[in-house]
Amino acid sequence: MKLCSIISTNLKFSTANRNELSSSLNNFCSLLYICFYHVLSNIKREFNITVTHKRRHTKYLYSFFLNIKGGNLIMDMRICVINIYVSDLDFAIEWYREVLNLNISDENNNYPIAVDLETDNDLRLLLHKAEKDTQVDVWRESSTILTFEVPNIREKIKDLTEKGVKLMNEEPQWHPDGGERIAFKDPFGNVHELAELRSRAAPKDRI
């Protein structure tokens, strides 16, 4: 299982307060990331080109180059960290490890304040202990959903159900971008999704 997308469902811009605007901008950046990811994947597949980027070891400089027939597309902004606010960090570490098979990374470990979860890309997934309940509420109200790609969604649903996870839908729902998805919550109310992408593994009877 791997993190494959971030979905923001509450994109709105307001000048009412700075926090709301900041949250909206974060959601907007998430949408840009999703769009760019899908476009780039299609271009790579169509033209068989090479994408070169520096890993996060370079803290302050980041470059993303798309080399295609003498032209360069340079992206100097990217999504680099997703914070998942939790009220009990130790319980969260155990839950994400036992239920979602996400282990703690050795990099950037700031326990007992925050810990990194291991991912298969440069995107940092951070479990962050909320100093107060309002921090958890701010994350929840942002309506940002993490989507984890799995090869067989029904097998993963069975696995999560056996581990006591309550799903938000009775059955996987067909998604416009192809494939099936089903939502669930972690113990702190954060919403995540499982996704079996049609282009990767959907059988003919589900197309």
Protein backbone atom coordinates (compact mmCIF):
# COMPACT_ATOMS: atom_id res chain seq x y z
CA MET A 1 0.00 0.00 0.00
CA LYS A 2 1.32 3.43 -0.88
CA LEU A 3 0.17 7.02 -0.70
CA CYS A 4 -0.94 7.94 -4.22
CA SER A 5 -2.91 11.18 -3.94
CA ILE A 6 -4.20 13.97 -1.77
CA ILE A 7 -7.78 15.17 -2.29
CA SER A 8 -9.04 18.50 -1.02
CA THR A 9 -12.82 18.82 -0.89
CA ASN A 10 -13.18 22.19 0.80
CA LEU A 11 -11.31 24.59 -1.48
CA LYS A 12 -12.31 28.15 -0.62
CA PHE A 13 -10.54 31.47 -0.29
CA SER A 14 -11.56 33.86 2.45
CA THR A 15 -9.99 36.96 3.94
CA ALA A 16 -11.91 36.51 7.18
CA ASN A 17 -8.85 35.28 8.98
CA ARG A 18 -5.29 34.32 8.21
CA ASN A 19 -5.61 30.71 9.35
CA GLU A 20 -8.51 30.02 7.01
CA LEU A 21 -6.64 31.53 4.07
CA SER A 22 -3.53 29.50 4.89
CA SER A 23 -5.56 26.29 5.03
CA SER A 24 -7.23 27.09 1.70
CA LEU A 25 -3.88 27.75 0.05
CA ASN A 26 -2.59 24.41 1.31
CA ASN A 27 -5.63 22.69 -0.19
CA PHE A 28 -5.11 24.52 -3.49
CA CYS A 29 -1.46 23.42 -3.59
CA SER A 30 -2.59 19.84 -2.99
CA LEU A 31 -4.90 20.02 -6.02
CA LEU A 32 -2.08 21.42 -8.16
CA TYR A 33 0.13 18.55 -7.06
CA ILE A 34 -2.48 15.97 -8.09
CA CYS A 35 -3.03 17.57 -11.51
CA PHE A 36 0.70 17.87 -12.19
CA TYR A 37 1.32 14.28 -11.09
CA HIS A 38 -1.25 12.84 -13.52
CA VAL A 39 -0.15 15.05 -16.44
CA LEU A 40 3.52 14.23 -15.85
CA SER A 41 2.80 10.49 -15.63
CA ASN A 42 0.98 10.57 -18.97
CA ILE A 43 3.80 12.54 -20.64
CA LYS A 44 6.43 10.15 -19.27
CA ARG A 45 4.49 7.15 -20.58
CA GLU A 46 3.74 8.72 -23.98
CA PHE A 47 7.20 10.05 -24.81
CA ASN A 48 9.36 7.74 -22.70
CA ILE A 49 11.26 10.66 -21.18
CA THR A 50 13.34 11.01 -18.06
CA VAL A 51 12.36 13.10 -15.05
CA THR A 52 15.21 14.20 -12.82
CA HIS A 53 14.84 15.67 -9.35
CA LYS A 54 16.93 16.20 -6.25
CA ARG A 55 15.81 14.34 -3.14
CA ARG A 56 14.92 16.10 0.04
CA HIS A 57 18.50 15.86 1.33
CA THR A 58 18.94 19.29 -0.24
CA LYS A 59 16.92 21.31 2.22
CA TYR A 60 16.69 24.69 0.59
CA LEU A 61 17.07 24.08 -3.13
CA TYR A 62 14.73 21.93 -5.15
CA SER A 63 14.49 21.54 -8.89
CA PHE A 64 12.18 19.47 -11.02
CA PHE A 65 13.21 19.20 -14.65
CA LEU A 66 11.18 17.81 -17.52
CA ASN A 67 13.46 17.33 -20.54
CA ILE A 68 11.55 17.05 -23.79
CA LYS A 69 13.03 17.81 -27.21
CA GLY A 70 15.26 20.64 -26.08
CA GLY A 71 12.62 22.32 -23.90
CA ASN A 72 12.52 22.47 -20.12
CA LEU A 73 9.58 22.69 -17.77
CA ILE A 74 10.85 23.73 -14.33
CA MET A 75 8.73 23.39 -11.20
CA ASP A 76 10.14 25.20 -8.17
CA MET A 77 7.30 24.44 -5.75
CA ARG A 78 6.13 21.08 -4.49
CA ILE A 79 4.14 19.45 -1.72
CA CYS A 80 6.79 18.27 0.73
CA VAL A 81 5.06 17.52 4.06
CA ILE A 82 1.62 16.34 5.14
CA ASN A 83 0.89 16.76 8.85
CA ILE A 84 -1.58 14.36 10.45
CA TYR A 85 -2.54 15.83 13.82
CA VAL A 86 -3.25 13.34 16.59
CA SER A 87 -4.02 13.70 20.28
CA ASP A 88 -2.03 10.61 21.34
CA LEU A 89 1.21 10.14 19.42
CA ASP A 90 2.14 6.74 20.87
CA PHE A 91 -1.28 5.30 20.07
CA ALA A 92 -1.13 6.85 16.59
CA ILE A 93 2.28 5.28 15.90
CA GLU A 94 0.95 1.87 16.91
CA TRP A 95 -2.27 2.27 14.88
CA TYR A 96 -0.59 3.41 11.66
CA ARG A 97 1.97 0.62 11.98
CA GLU A 98 -0.43 -2.20 12.84
CA VAL A 99 -3.37 -1.16 10.65
CA LEU A 100 -1.80 0.58 7.63
CA ASN A 101 1.66 -1.05 7.80
CA LEU A 102 3.39 2.35 7.88
CA ASN A 103 6.58 2.23 9.91
CA ILE A 104 8.43 5.09 11.55
CA SER A 105 11.26 6.54 9.46
CA ASP A 106 14.70 7.07 10.96
CA GLU A 107 14.89 10.47 9.27
CA ASN A 108 13.67 13.67 10.94
CA ASN A 109 12.53 11.86 14.08
CA ASN A 110 11.38 14.47 16.60
CA TYR A 111 9.65 12.17 19.08
CA PRO A 112 7.72 12.86 21.32
CA ILE A 113 6.56 15.89 19.29
CA ALA A 114 6.37 14.41 15.80
CA VAL A 115 7.57 11.41 13.78
CA ASP A 116 7.90 10.67 10.06
CA LEU A 117 6.16 7.69 8.52
CA GLU A 118 8.02 5.78 5.82
CA THR A 119 6.77 6.42 2.27
CA ASP A 120 8.04 5.26 -1.12
CA ASN A 121 8.61 8.80 -2.39
CA ASP A 122 9.93 12.18 -1.23
CA LEU A 123 6.64 13.24 0.32
CA ARG A 124 6.91 13.43 4.12
CA LEU A 125 3.98 11.99 6.05
CA LEU A 126 4.22 13.39 9.57
CA LEU A 127 2.35 12.25 12.66
CA HIS A 128 2.25 15.40 14.76
CA LYS A 129 1.09 15.55 18.38
CA ALA A 130 -1.47 18.30 18.79
CA GLU A 131 -0.82 20.56 21.75
CA LYS A 132 -4.57 21.02 22.14
CA ASP A 133 -7.75 19.60 20.64
CA THR A 134 -8.29 22.64 18.42
CA GLN A 135 -5.26 21.66 16.33
CA VAL A 136 -6.88 18.34 15.49
CA ASP A 137 -10.10 20.18 14.59
CA VAL A 138 -8.23 22.53 12.23
CA TRP A 139 -6.79 19.58 10.31
CA ARG A 140 -10.15 17.81 10.16
CA GLU A 141 -12.01 20.90 8.92
CA SER A 142 -9.52 21.34 6.08
CA SER A 143 -11.21 18.35 4.36
CA THR A 144 -7.94 17.00 2.99
CA ILE A 145 -8.07 13.28 2.27
CA LEU A 146 -5.04 11.00 1.92
CA THR A 147 -5.54 8.25 -0.65
CA PHE A 148 -3.54 5.02 -0.41
CA GLU A 149 -3.21 2.88 -3.53
CA VAL A 150 -3.64 -0.88 -3.07
CA PRO A 151 -3.48 -3.72 -5.64
CA ASN A 152 -6.72 -5.33 -4.39
CA ILE A 153 -9.14 -3.06 -2.55
CA ARG A 154 -11.42 -5.86 -1.35
CA GLU A 155 -8.58 -7.77 0.26
CA LYS A 156 -7.43 -4.60 2.00
CA ILE A 157 -10.99 -3.83 3.15
CA LYS A 158 -11.15 -7.30 4.72
CA ASP A 159 -7.78 -6.70 6.39
CA LEU A 160 -8.81 -3.32 7.83
CA THR A 161 -12.21 -4.63 8.97
CA GLU A 162 -10.54 -7.48 10.84
CA LYS A 163 -8.38 -4.89 12.58
CA GLY A 164 -11.44 -2.99 13.76
CA VAL A 165 -11.39 -0.11 11.27
CA LYS A 166 -14.84 1.31 10.52
CA LEU A 167 -15.40 2.11 6.85
CA MET A 168 -17.42 5.17 5.78
CA ASN A 169 -19.08 3.32 2.88
CA GLU A 170 -20.62 -0.14 2.69
CA GLU A 171 -18.97 -0.88 -0.65
CA PRO A 172 -16.14 0.68 -2.71
CA GLN A 173 -17.33 3.54 -4.89
CA TRP A 174 -16.32 4.05 -8.52
CA HIS A 175 -14.21 7.21 -8.88
CA PRO A 176 -14.22 9.51 -11.97
CA ASP A 177 -10.45 9.18 -12.41
CA GLY A 178 -10.77 5.41 -12.73
CA GLY A 179 -10.88 2.62 -10.19
CA GLU A 180 -12.66 2.06 -6.91
CA ARG A 181 -12.27 3.90 -3.61
CA ILE A 182 -13.54 3.57 -0.07
CA ALA A 183 -13.09 5.98 2.83
CA PHE A 184 -12.26 5.29 6.47
CA LYS A 185 -11.18 7.23 9.55
CA ASP A 186 -8.25 6.86 11.88
CA PRO A 187 -8.95 6.89 15.66
CA PHE A 188 -8.54 10.69 15.69
CA GLY A 189 -11.14 11.44 13.01
CA ASN A 190 -8.75 11.99 10.09
CA VAL A 191 -10.26 10.71 6.83
CA HIS A 192 -8.23 8.48 4.50
CA GLU A 193 -9.10 6.44 1.40
CA LEU A 194 -8.14 3.15 -0.17
CA ALA A 195 -7.95 3.16 -3.96
CA GLU A 196 -7.61 0.39 -6.51
CA LEU A 197 -6.79 2.23 -9.70
CA ARG A 198 -8.37 0.93 -12.90
CA SER A 199 -5.16 1.42 -14.89
CA ARG A 200 -3.24 -0.73 -12.42
CA ALA A 201 -5.38 -3.66 -11.36
CA ALA A 202 -9.14 -3.47 -11.96
CA PRO A 203 -10.62 -6.73 -13.31
CA LYS A 204 -12.84 -6.60 -16.40
CA ASP A 205 -16.03 -7.14 -14.39
CA ARG A 206 -15.42 -3.81 -12.58
CA ILE A 207 -14.77 -1.72 -15.70
